[in-house]
Amino acid sequence: MKEVNASIAIQVLPDVKNNDELIKVVDEVISYIKSKNLKTHVGPFETTIEGNYEELMEIIKECHIIAIKAGAEGLMSYIKVNYKPKGDLLSIDKKLSKYN
């Protein structure tokens, strides 16, 4: 199992013609993220993922490629990165447990 030393939050905003197309593209990106079988939390504005820093950076890159392949003419992404090379990452579960 790879070390969990980072978390990212990614919001992909595809350049499309209408909300139906936007939802289709975003659903493709989320489906890809979930296929990676990492700890993931999908929210209304962004998706948070925990894992190894290098793997998460590859996931970000692939999210952009998938959005374009799904029909976006272009896209904007907002990305937050929490990187702790030595571990001790504040996990999604720790952040959300008191609210669930």
PDB file of N, CA and C in Angstrom:
ATOM      1  N   MET A   1       0.834  -1.183   0.000  1.00  0.00           N
ATOM      2  CA  MET A   1       0.000   0.000   0.000  1.00  0.00           C
ATOM      3  C   MET A   1       0.882   1.249   0.000  1.00  0.00           C
ATOM      4  N   LYS A   2       0.538   2.196  -0.858  1.00  0.00           N
ATOM      5  CA  LYS A   2       1.320   3.422  -0.953  1.00  0.00           C
ATOM      6  C   LYS A   2       1.045   4.328   0.243  1.00  0.00           C
ATOM      7  N   GLU A   3       2.053   5.091   0.602  1.00  0.00           N
ATOM      8  CA  GLU A   3       1.960   6.018   1.715  1.00  0.00           C
ATOM      9  C   GLU A   3       0.943   7.121   1.438  1.00  0.00           C
ATOM     10  N   VAL A   4       0.130   7.436   2.439  1.00  0.00           N
ATOM     11  CA  VAL A   4      -0.796   8.567   2.351  1.00  0.00           C
ATOM     12  C   VAL A   4      -0.078   9.767   2.969  1.00  0.00           C
ATOM     13  N   ASN A   5       0.420  10.636   2.098  1.00  0.00           N
ATOM     14  CA  ASN A   5       1.142  11.800   2.585  1.00  0.00           C
ATOM     15  C   ASN A   5       0.618  13.104   1.982  1.00  0.00           C
ATOM     16  N   ALA A   6      -0.550  13.020   1.330  1.00  0.00           N
ATOM     17  CA  ALA A   6      -1.106  14.223   0.722  1.00  0.00           C
ATOM     18  C   ALA A   6      -2.612  14.080   0.540  1.00  0.00           C
ATOM     19  N   SER A   7      -3.254  15.209   0.447  1.00  0.00           N
ATOM     20  CA  SER A   7      -4.648  15.246   0.031  1.00  0.00           C
ATOM     21  C   SER A   7      -4.802  16.422  -0.922  1.00  0.00           C
ATOM     22  N   ILE A   8      -5.711  16.249  -1.863  1.00  0.00           N
ATOM     23  CA  ILE A   8      -6.002  17.331  -2.789  1.00  0.00           C
ATOM     24  C   ILE A   8      -7.509  17.543  -2.836  1.00  0.00           C
ATOM     25  N   ALA A   9      -7.885  18.745  -3.146  1.00  0.00           N
ATOM     26  CA  ALA A   9      -9.272  19.054  -3.460  1.00  0.00           C
ATOM     27  C   ALA A   9      -9.246  19.644  -4.861  1.00  0.00           C
ATOM     28  N   ILE A  10     -10.038  19.084  -5.749  1.00  0.00           N
ATOM     29  CA  ILE A  10     -10.058  19.553  -7.131  1.00  0.00           C
ATOM     30  C   ILE A  10     -11.480  19.899  -7.551  1.00  0.00           C
ATOM     31  N   GLN A  11     -11.608  21.061  -8.155  1.00  0.00           N
ATOM     32  CA  GLN A  11     -12.856  21.500  -8.757  1.00  0.00           C
ATOM     33  C   GLN A  11     -12.562  21.721 -10.240  1.00  0.00           C
ATOM     34  N   VAL A  12     -13.235  20.968 -11.086  1.00  0.00           N
ATOM     35  CA  VAL A  12     -13.065  21.094 -12.535  1.00  0.00           C
ATOM     36  C   VAL A  12     -14.266  21.846 -13.088  1.00  0.00           C
ATOM     37  N   LEU A  13     -13.999  22.930 -13.793  1.00  0.00           N
ATOM     38  CA  LEU A  13     -15.057  23.738 -14.403  1.00  0.00           C
ATOM     39  C   LEU A  13     -14.890  23.690 -15.920  1.00  0.00           C
ATOM     40  N   PRO A  14     -15.604  22.767 -16.566  1.00  0.00           N
ATOM     41  CA  PRO A  14     -15.443  22.606 -18.007  1.00  0.00           C
ATOM     42  C   PRO A  14     -16.114  23.736 -18.791  1.00  0.00           C
ATOM     43  N   ASP A  15     -15.499  24.081 -19.916  1.00  0.00           N
ATOM     44  CA  ASP A  15     -16.067  25.062 -20.839  1.00  0.00           C
ATOM     45  C   ASP A  15     -17.004  24.306 -21.781  1.00  0.00           C
ATOM     46  N   VAL A  16     -18.300  24.357 -21.473  1.00  0.00           N
ATOM     47  CA  VAL A  16     -19.329  23.667 -22.251  1.00  0.00           C
ATOM     48  C   VAL A  16     -20.508  24.609 -22.470  1.00  0.00           C
ATOM     49  N   LYS A  17     -21.470  24.161 -23.270  1.00  0.00           N
ATOM     50  CA  LYS A  17     -22.574  25.029 -23.680  1.00  0.00           C
ATOM     51  C   LYS A  17     -23.712  25.134 -22.675  1.00  0.00           C
ATOM     52  N   ASN A  18     -23.917  24.108 -21.860  1.00  0.00           N
ATOM     53  CA  ASN A  18     -25.061  24.150 -20.940  1.00  0.00           C
ATOM     54  C   ASN A  18     -24.801  23.270 -19.714  1.00  0.00           C
ATOM     55  N   ASN A  19     -25.722  23.343 -18.767  1.00  0.00           N
ATOM     56  CA  ASN A  19     -25.552  22.599 -17.511  1.00  0.00           C
ATOM     57  C   ASN A  19     -25.568  21.090 -17.704  1.00  0.00           C
ATOM     58  N   ASP A  20     -26.362  20.600 -18.658  1.00  0.00           N
ATOM     59  CA  ASP A  20     -26.386  19.155 -18.900  1.00  0.00           C
ATOM     60  C   ASP A  20     -25.009  18.656 -19.341  1.00  0.00           C
ATOM     61  N   GLU A  21     -24.357  19.405 -20.224  1.00  0.00           N
ATOM     62  CA  GLU A  21     -23.014  19.029 -20.663  1.00  0.00           C
ATOM     63  C   GLU A  21     -22.015  19.158 -19.513  1.00  0.00           C
ATOM     64  N   LEU A  22     -22.168  20.186 -18.698  1.00  0.00           N
ATOM     65  CA  LEU A  22     -21.286  20.374 -17.548  1.00  0.00           C
ATOM     66  C   LEU A  22     -21.373  19.170 -16.620  1.00  0.00           C
ATOM     67  N   ILE A  23     -22.595  18.754 -16.314  1.00  0.00           N
ATOM     68  CA  ILE A  23     -22.793  17.604 -15.423  1.00  0.00           C
ATOM     69  C   ILE A  23     -22.183  16.344 -16.034  1.00  0.00           C
ATOM     70  N   LYS A  24     -22.362  16.150 -17.338  1.00  0.00           N
ATOM     71  CA  LYS A  24     -21.805  14.970 -18.013  1.00  0.00           C
ATOM     72  C   LYS A  24     -20.288  14.934 -17.878  1.00  0.00           C
ATOM     73  N   VAL A  25     -19.629  16.058 -18.117  1.00  0.00           N
ATOM     74  CA  VAL A  25     -18.164  16.106 -18.051  1.00  0.00           C
ATOM     75  C   VAL A  25     -17.693  15.889 -16.615  1.00  0.00           C
ATOM     76  N   VAL A  26     -18.304  16.581 -15.672  1.00  0.00           N
ATOM     77  CA  VAL A  26     -17.905  16.446 -14.272  1.00  0.00           C
ATOM     78  C   VAL A  26     -18.131  15.010 -13.785  1.00  0.00           C
ATOM     79  N   ASP A  27     -19.231  14.398 -14.208  1.00  0.00           N
ATOM     80  CA  ASP A  27     -19.477  13.001 -13.833  1.00  0.00           C
ATOM     81  C   ASP A  27     -18.380  12.074 -14.351  1.00  0.00           C
ATOM     82  N   GLU A  28     -17.887  12.329 -15.557  1.00  0.00           N
ATOM     83  CA  GLU A  28     -16.788  11.528 -16.113  1.00  0.00           C
ATOM     84  C   GLU A  28     -15.529  11.675 -15.255  1.00  0.00           C
ATOM     85  N   VAL A  29     -15.243  12.904 -14.844  1.00  0.00           N
ATOM     86  CA  VAL A  29     -14.059  13.157 -14.017  1.00  0.00           C
ATOM     87  C   VAL A  29     -14.209  12.463 -12.658  1.00  0.00           C
ATOM     88  N   ILE A  30     -15.362  12.597 -12.040  1.00  0.00           N
ATOM     89  CA  ILE A  30     -15.588  11.964 -10.732  1.00  0.00           C
ATOM     90  C   ILE A  30     -15.515  10.444 -10.849  1.00  0.00           C
ATOM     91  N   SER A  31     -16.069   9.904 -11.909  1.00  0.00           N
ATOM     92  CA  SER A  31     -16.003   8.454 -12.124  1.00  0.00           C
ATOM     93  C   SER A  31     -14.549   7.982 -12.205  1.00  0.00           C
ATOM     94  N   TYR A  32     -13.724   8.730 -12.920  1.00  0.00           N
ATOM     95  CA  TYR A  32     -12.297   8.392 -12.996  1.00  0.00           C
ATOM     96  C   TYR A  32     -11.654   8.441 -11.606  1.00  0.00           C
ATOM     97  N   ILE A  33     -11.907   9.522 -10.872  1.00  0.00           N
ATOM     98  CA  ILE A  33     -11.311   9.664  -9.541  1.00  0.00           C
ATOM     99  C   ILE A  33     -11.705   8.481  -8.659  1.00  0.00           C
ATOM    100  N   LYS A  34     -12.984   8.120  -8.660  1.00  0.00           N
ATOM    101  CA  LYS A  34     -13.443   7.016  -7.827  1.00  0.00           C
ATOM    102  C   LYS A  34     -12.838   5.684  -8.259  1.00  0.00           C
ATOM    103  N   SER A  35     -12.508   5.552  -9.551  1.00  0.00           N
ATOM    104  CA  SER A  35     -11.918   4.305 -10.039  1.00  0.00           C
ATOM    105  C   SER A  35     -10.516   4.067  -9.472  1.00  0.00           C
ATOM    106  N   LYS A  36      -9.899   5.096  -8.924  1.00  0.00           N
ATOM    107  CA  LYS A  36      -8.553   4.963  -8.367  1.00  0.00           C
ATOM    108  C   LYS A  36      -8.564   4.292  -6.997  1.00  0.00           C
ATOM    109  N   ASN A  37      -9.743   4.095  -6.424  1.00  0.00           N
ATOM    110  CA  ASN A  37      -9.915   3.394  -5.143  1.00  0.00           C
ATOM    111  C   ASN A  37      -9.109   4.014  -4.001  1.00  0.00           C
ATOM    112  N   LEU A  38      -9.070   5.328  -3.972  1.00  0.00           N
ATOM    113  CA  LEU A  38      -8.453   6.063  -2.869  1.00  0.00           C
ATOM    114  C   LEU A  38      -9.561   6.640  -1.999  1.00  0.00           C
ATOM    115  N   LYS A  39      -9.218   7.060  -0.807  1.00  0.00           N
ATOM    116  CA  LYS A  39     -10.193   7.723   0.055  1.00  0.00           C
ATOM    117  C   LYS A  39     -10.634   9.002  -0.648  1.00  0.00           C
ATOM    118  N   THR A  40     -11.937   9.136  -0.904  1.00  0.00           N
ATOM    119  CA  THR A  40     -12.475  10.241  -1.681  1.00  0.00           C
ATOM    120  C   THR A  40     -13.727  10.781  -1.011  1.00  0.00           C
ATOM    121  N   HIS A  41     -13.901  12.094  -1.094  1.00  0.00           N
ATOM    122  CA  HIS A  41     -15.125  12.740  -0.629  1.00  0.00           C
ATOM    123  C   HIS A  41     -15.600  13.681  -1.728  1.00  0.00           C
ATOM    124  N   VAL A  42     -16.786  13.389  -2.282  1.00  0.00           N
ATOM    125  CA  VAL A  42     -17.354  14.235  -3.321  1.00  0.00           C
ATOM    126  C   VAL A  42     -18.286  15.234  -2.665  1.00  0.00           C
ATOM    127  N   GLY A  43     -18.023  16.520  -2.888  1.00  0.00           N
ATOM    128  CA  GLY A  43     -18.853  17.581  -2.371  1.00  0.00           C
ATOM    129  C   GLY A  43     -19.505  18.349  -3.509  1.00  0.00           C
ATOM    130  N   PRO A  44     -20.328  19.329  -3.190  1.00  0.00           N
ATOM    131  CA  PRO A  44     -21.042  20.060  -4.233  1.00  0.00           C
ATOM    132  C   PRO A  44     -20.158  20.964  -5.085  1.00  0.00           C
ATOM    133  N   PHE A  45     -18.966  21.299  -4.611  1.00  0.00           N
ATOM    134  CA  PHE A  45     -18.084  22.188  -5.351  1.00  0.00           C
ATOM    135  C   PHE A  45     -16.747  21.566  -5.725  1.00  0.00           C
ATOM    136  N   GLU A  46     -16.332  20.550  -4.996  1.00  0.00           N
ATOM    137  CA  GLU A  46     -15.023  19.954  -5.244  1.00  0.00           C
ATOM    138  C   GLU A  46     -15.001  18.524  -4.740  1.00  0.00           C
ATOM    139  N   THR A  47     -14.011  17.789  -5.205  1.00  0.00           N
ATOM    140  CA  THR A  47     -13.791  16.418  -4.755  1.00  0.00           C
ATOM    141  C   THR A  47     -12.440  16.361  -4.060  1.00  0.00           C
ATOM    142  N   THR A  48     -12.412  15.754  -2.879  1.00  0.00           N
ATOM    143  CA  THR A  48     -11.192  15.629  -2.097  1.00  0.00           C
ATOM    144  C   THR A  48     -10.709  14.187  -2.167  1.00  0.00           C
ATOM    145  N   ILE A  49      -9.403  14.034  -2.319  1.00  0.00           N
ATOM    146  CA  ILE A  49      -8.799  12.706  -2.465  1.00  0.00           C
ATOM    147  C   ILE A  49      -7.560  12.634  -1.583  1.00  0.00           C
ATOM    148  N   GLU A  50      -7.357  11.504  -0.908  1.00  0.00           N
ATOM    149  CA  GLU A  50      -6.150  11.260  -0.115  1.00  0.00           C
ATOM    150  C   GLU A  50      -5.311  10.194  -0.783  1.00  0.00           C
ATOM    151  N   GLY A  51      -3.987  10.357  -0.702  1.00  0.00           N
ATOM    152  CA  GLY A  51      -3.107   9.336  -1.245  1.00  0.00           C
ATOM    153  C   GLY A  51      -1.665   9.786  -1.248  1.00  0.00           C
ATOM    154  N   ASN A  52      -0.896   9.136  -2.092  1.00  0.00           N
ATOM    155  CA  ASN A  52       0.504   9.478  -2.268  1.00  0.00           C
ATOM    156  C   ASN A  52       0.605  10.706  -3.167  1.00  0.00           C
ATOM    157  N   TYR A  53       1.456  11.650  -2.803  1.00  0.00           N
ATOM    158  CA  TYR A  53       1.590  12.920  -3.518  1.00  0.00           C
ATOM    159  C   TYR A  53       1.786  12.722  -5.020  1.00  0.00           C
ATOM    160  N   GLU A  54       2.720  11.870  -5.407  1.00  0.00           N
ATOM    161  CA  GLU A  54       3.009  11.671  -6.837  1.00  0.00           C
ATOM    162  C   GLU A  54       1.777  11.140  -7.574  1.00  0.00           C
ATOM    163  N   GLU A  55       1.085  10.186  -6.968  1.00  0.00           N
ATOM    164  CA  GLU A  55      -0.108   9.626  -7.601  1.00  0.00           C
ATOM    165  C   GLU A  55      -1.208  10.687  -7.733  1.00  0.00           C
ATOM    166  N   LEU A  56      -1.371  11.517  -6.720  1.00  0.00           N
ATOM    167  CA  LEU A  56      -2.389  12.565  -6.781  1.00  0.00           C
ATOM    168  C   LEU A  56      -2.092  13.584  -7.873  1.00  0.00           C
ATOM    169  N   MET A  57      -0.822  13.902  -8.089  1.00  0.00           N
ATOM    170  CA  MET A  57      -0.469  14.835  -9.155  1.00  0.00           C
ATOM    171  C   MET A  57      -0.807  14.244 -10.526  1.00  0.00           C
ATOM    172  N   GLU A  58      -0.622  12.943 -10.683  1.00  0.00           N
ATOM    173  CA  GLU A  58      -1.006  12.266 -11.929  1.00  0.00           C
ATOM    174  C   GLU A  58      -2.525  12.272 -12.113  1.00  0.00           C
ATOM    175  N   ILE A  59      -3.249  12.100 -11.016  1.00  0.00           N
ATOM    176  CA  ILE A  59      -4.711  12.124 -11.084  1.00  0.00           C
ATOM    177  C   ILE A  59      -5.191  13.500 -11.543  1.00  0.00           C
ATOM    178  N   ILE A  60      -4.598  14.563 -11.022  1.00  0.00           N
ATOM    179  CA  ILE A  60      -4.965  15.915 -11.454  1.00  0.00           C
ATOM    180  C   ILE A  60      -4.784  16.054 -12.964  1.00  0.00           C
ATOM    181  N   LYS A  61      -3.644  15.636 -13.452  1.00  0.00           N
ATOM    182  CA  LYS A  61      -3.355  15.718 -14.890  1.00  0.00           C
ATOM    183  C   LYS A  61      -4.390  14.934 -15.694  1.00  0.00           C
ATOM    184  N   GLU A  62      -4.685  13.736 -15.265  1.00  0.00           N
ATOM    185  CA  GLU A  62      -5.629  12.887 -15.994  1.00  0.00           C
ATOM    186  C   GLU A  62      -7.055  13.453 -15.940  1.00  0.00           C
ATOM    187  N   CYS A  63      -7.419  14.106 -14.852  1.00  0.00           N
ATOM    188  CA  CYS A  63      -8.745  14.738 -14.774  1.00  0.00           C
ATOM    189  C   CYS A  63      -8.928  15.751 -15.895  1.00  0.00           C
ATOM    190  N   HIS A  64      -7.889  16.500 -16.195  1.00  0.00           N
ATOM    191  CA  HIS A  64      -7.958  17.493 -17.276  1.00  0.00           C
ATOM    192  C   HIS A  64      -8.134  16.807 -18.634  1.00  0.00           C
ATOM    193  N   ILE A  65      -7.381  15.757 -18.862  1.00  0.00           N
ATOM    194  CA  ILE A  65      -7.465  15.027 -20.128  1.00  0.00           C
ATOM    195  C   ILE A  65      -8.851  14.411 -20.300  1.00  0.00           C
ATOM    196  N   ILE A  66      -9.380  13.834 -19.235  1.00  0.00           N
ATOM    197  CA  ILE A  66     -10.707  13.217 -19.278  1.00  0.00           C
ATOM    198  C   ILE A  66     -11.780  14.254 -19.571  1.00  0.00           C
ATOM    199  N   ALA A  67     -11.690  15.427 -18.975  1.00  0.00           N
ATOM    200  CA  ALA A  67     -12.689  16.480 -19.210  1.00  0.00           C
ATOM    201  C   ALA A  67     -12.710  16.887 -20.677  1.00  0.00           C
ATOM    202  N   ILE A  68     -11.555  17.010 -21.285  1.00  0.00           N
ATOM    203  CA  ILE A  68     -11.483  17.372 -22.700  1.00  0.00           C
ATOM    204  C   ILE A  68     -12.050  16.237 -23.566  1.00  0.00           C
ATOM    205  N   LYS A  69     -11.670  15.004 -23.260  1.00  0.00           N
ATOM    206  CA  LYS A  69     -12.187  13.857 -24.022  1.00  0.00           C
ATOM    207  C   LYS A  69     -13.704  13.724 -23.879  1.00  0.00           C
ATOM    208  N   ALA A  70     -14.247  14.177 -22.745  1.00  0.00           N
ATOM    209  CA  ALA A  70     -15.690  14.076 -22.491  1.00  0.00           C
ATOM    210  C   ALA A  70     -16.475  15.197 -23.161  1.00  0.00           C
ATOM    211  N   GLY A  71     -15.770  16.141 -23.818  1.00  0.00           N
ATOM    212  CA  GLY A  71     -16.488  17.154 -24.578  1.00  0.00           C
ATOM    213  C   GLY A  71     -16.231  18.596 -24.219  1.00  0.00           C
ATOM    214  N   ALA A  72     -15.449  18.854 -23.186  1.00  0.00           N
ATOM    215  CA  ALA A  72     -15.152  20.245 -22.829  1.00  0.00           C
ATOM    216  C   ALA A  72     -14.185  20.836 -23.853  1.00  0.00           C
ATOM    217  N   GLU A  73     -14.453  22.080 -24.262  1.00  0.00           N
ATOM    218  CA  GLU A  73     -13.537  22.761 -25.180  1.00  0.00           C
ATOM    219  C   GLU A  73     -12.283  23.240 -24.448  1.00  0.00           C
ATOM    220  N   GLY A  74     -12.408  23.442 -23.183  1.00  0.00           N
ATOM    221  CA  GLY A  74     -11.335  23.870 -22.299  1.00  0.00           C
ATOM    222  C   GLY A  74     -11.843  23.721 -20.880  1.00  0.00           C
ATOM    223  N   LEU A  75     -11.053  24.106 -19.899  1.00  0.00           N
ATOM    224  CA  LEU A  75     -11.520  24.018 -18.523  1.00  0.00           C
ATOM    225  C   LEU A  75     -10.658  24.866 -17.604  1.00  0.00           C
ATOM    226  N   MET A  76     -11.236  25.188 -16.487  1.00  0.00           N
ATOM    227  CA  MET A  76     -10.520  25.816 -15.383  1.00  0.00           C
ATOM    228  C   MET A  76     -10.565  24.818 -14.234  1.00  0.00           C
ATOM    229  N   SER A  77      -9.486  24.734 -13.487  1.00  0.00           N
ATOM    230  CA  SER A  77      -9.457  23.882 -12.302  1.00  0.00           C
ATOM    231  C   SER A  77      -8.968  24.688 -11.117  1.00  0.00           C
ATOM    232  N   TYR A  78      -9.609  24.442 -10.012  1.00  0.00           N
ATOM    233  CA  TYR A  78      -9.154  25.010  -8.748  1.00  0.00           C
ATOM    234  C   TYR A  78      -8.694  23.836  -7.902  1.00  0.00           C
ATOM    235  N   ILE A  79      -7.439  23.901  -7.468  1.00  0.00           N
ATOM    236  CA  ILE A  79      -6.836  22.766  -6.783  1.00  0.00           C
ATOM    237  C   ILE A  79      -6.190  23.220  -5.478  1.00  0.00           C
ATOM    238  N   LYS A  80      -6.493  22.501  -4.423  1.00  0.00           N
ATOM    239  CA  LYS A  80      -5.854  22.715  -3.121  1.00  0.00           C
ATOM    240  C   LYS A  80      -5.012  21.478  -2.833  1.00  0.00           C
ATOM    241  N   VAL A  81      -3.827  21.687  -2.306  1.00  0.00           N
ATOM    242  CA  VAL A  81      -2.928  20.572  -2.010  1.00  0.00           C
ATOM    243  C   VAL A  81      -2.461  20.668  -0.563  1.00  0.00           C
ATOM    244  N   ASN A  82      -2.595  19.562   0.150  1.00  0.00           N
ATOM    245  CA  ASN A  82      -2.055  19.432   1.496  1.00  0.00           C
ATOM    246  C   ASN A  82      -1.011  18.321   1.416  1.00  0.00           C
ATOM    247  N   TYR A  83       0.243  18.684   1.569  1.00  0.00           N
ATOM    248  CA  TYR A  83       1.347  17.725   1.397  1.00  0.00           C
ATOM    249  C   TYR A  83       2.167  17.669   2.669  1.00  0.00           C
ATOM    250  N   LYS A  84       2.276  16.482   3.220  1.00  0.00           N
ATOM    251  CA  LYS A  84       3.069  16.234   4.427  1.00  0.00           C
ATOM    252  C   LYS A  84       4.034  15.090   4.130  1.00  0.00           C
ATOM    253  N   PRO A  85       5.234  15.388   3.642  1.00  0.00           N
ATOM    254  CA  PRO A  85       6.164  14.328   3.231  1.00  0.00           C
ATOM    255  C   PRO A  85       6.448  13.297   4.319  1.00  0.00           C
ATOM    256  N   LYS A  86       6.402  13.700   5.577  1.00  0.00           N
ATOM    257  CA  LYS A  86       6.704  12.772   6.674  1.00  0.00           C
ATOM    258  C   LYS A  86       5.451  12.131   7.255  1.00  0.00           C
ATOM    259  N   GLY A  87       4.312  12.348   6.612  1.00  0.00           N
ATOM    260  CA  GLY A  87       3.069  11.764   7.099  1.00  0.00           C
ATOM    261  C   GLY A  87       2.343  12.706   8.040  1.00  0.00           C
ATOM    262  N   ASP A  88       1.564  12.153   8.960  1.00  0.00           N
ATOM    263  CA  ASP A  88       0.769  12.915   9.929  1.00  0.00           C
ATOM    264  C   ASP A  88      -0.212  13.855   9.225  1.00  0.00           C
ATOM    265  N   LEU A  89      -0.854  13.340   8.202  1.00  0.00           N
ATOM    266  CA  LEU A  89      -1.821  14.108   7.431  1.00  0.00           C
ATOM    267  C   LEU A  89      -3.150  14.162   8.175  1.00  0.00           C
ATOM    268  N   LEU A  90      -3.753  15.327   8.233  1.00  0.00           N
ATOM    269  CA  LEU A  90      -5.089  15.457   8.800  1.00  0.00           C
ATOM    270  C   LEU A  90      -6.058  14.887   7.764  1.00  0.00           C
ATOM    271  N   SER A  91      -6.629  13.728   8.066  1.00  0.00           N
ATOM    272  CA  SER A  91      -7.399  12.967   7.085  1.00  0.00           C
ATOM    273  C   SER A  91      -8.797  13.533   6.868  1.00  0.00           C
ATOM    274  N   ILE A  92      -9.414  13.088   5.777  1.00  0.00           N
ATOM    275  CA  ILE A  92     -10.807  13.445   5.490  1.00  0.00           C
ATOM    276  C   ILE A  92     -11.685  13.014   6.657  1.00  0.00           C
ATOM    277  N   ASP A  93     -11.498  11.788   7.131  1.00  0.00           N
ATOM    278  CA  ASP A  93     -12.315  11.280   8.238  1.00  0.00           C
ATOM    279  C   ASP A  93     -12.182  12.146   9.486  1.00  0.00           C
ATOM    280  N   LYS A  94     -10.958  12.533   9.822  1.00  0.00           N
ATOM    281  CA  LYS A  94     -10.751  13.375  11.005  1.00  0.00           C
ATOM    282  C   LYS A  94     -11.404  14.738  10.828  1.00  0.00           C
ATOM    283  N   LYS A  95     -11.344  15.272   9.621  1.00  0.00           N
ATOM    284  CA  LYS A  95     -11.920  16.591   9.366  1.00  0.00           C
ATOM    285  C   LYS A  95     -13.446  16.568   9.425  1.00  0.00           C
ATOM    286  N   LEU A  96     -14.070  15.460   8.993  1.00  0.00           N
ATOM    287  CA  LEU A  96     -15.520  15.425   8.855  1.00  0.00           C
ATOM    288  C   LEU A  96     -16.262  14.637   9.927  1.00  0.00           C
ATOM    289  N   SER A  97     -15.564  13.852  10.743  1.00  0.00           N
ATOM    290  CA  SER A  97     -16.245  12.931  11.660  1.00  0.00           C
ATOM    291  C   SER A  97     -17.232  13.618  12.599  1.00  0.00           C
ATOM    292  N   LYS A  98     -16.945  14.785  13.073  1.00  0.00           N
ATOM    293  CA  LYS A  98     -17.872  15.449  13.999  1.00  0.00           C
ATOM    294  C   LYS A  98     -19.118  15.991  13.303  1.00  0.00           C
ATOM    295  N   TYR A  99     -19.105  16.022  11.983  1.00  0.00           N
ATOM    296  CA  TYR A  99     -20.261  16.521  11.244  1.00  0.00           C
ATOM    297  C   TYR A  99     -21.140  15.414  10.675  1.00  0.00           C
ATOM    298  N   ASN A 100     -20.669  14.173  10.731  1.00  0.00           N
ATOM    299  CA  ASN A 100     -21.437  13.054  10.180  1.00  0.00           C
ATOM    300  C   ASN A 100     -22.053  12.205  11.261  1.00  0.00           C
TER     301      ASN A 100
END
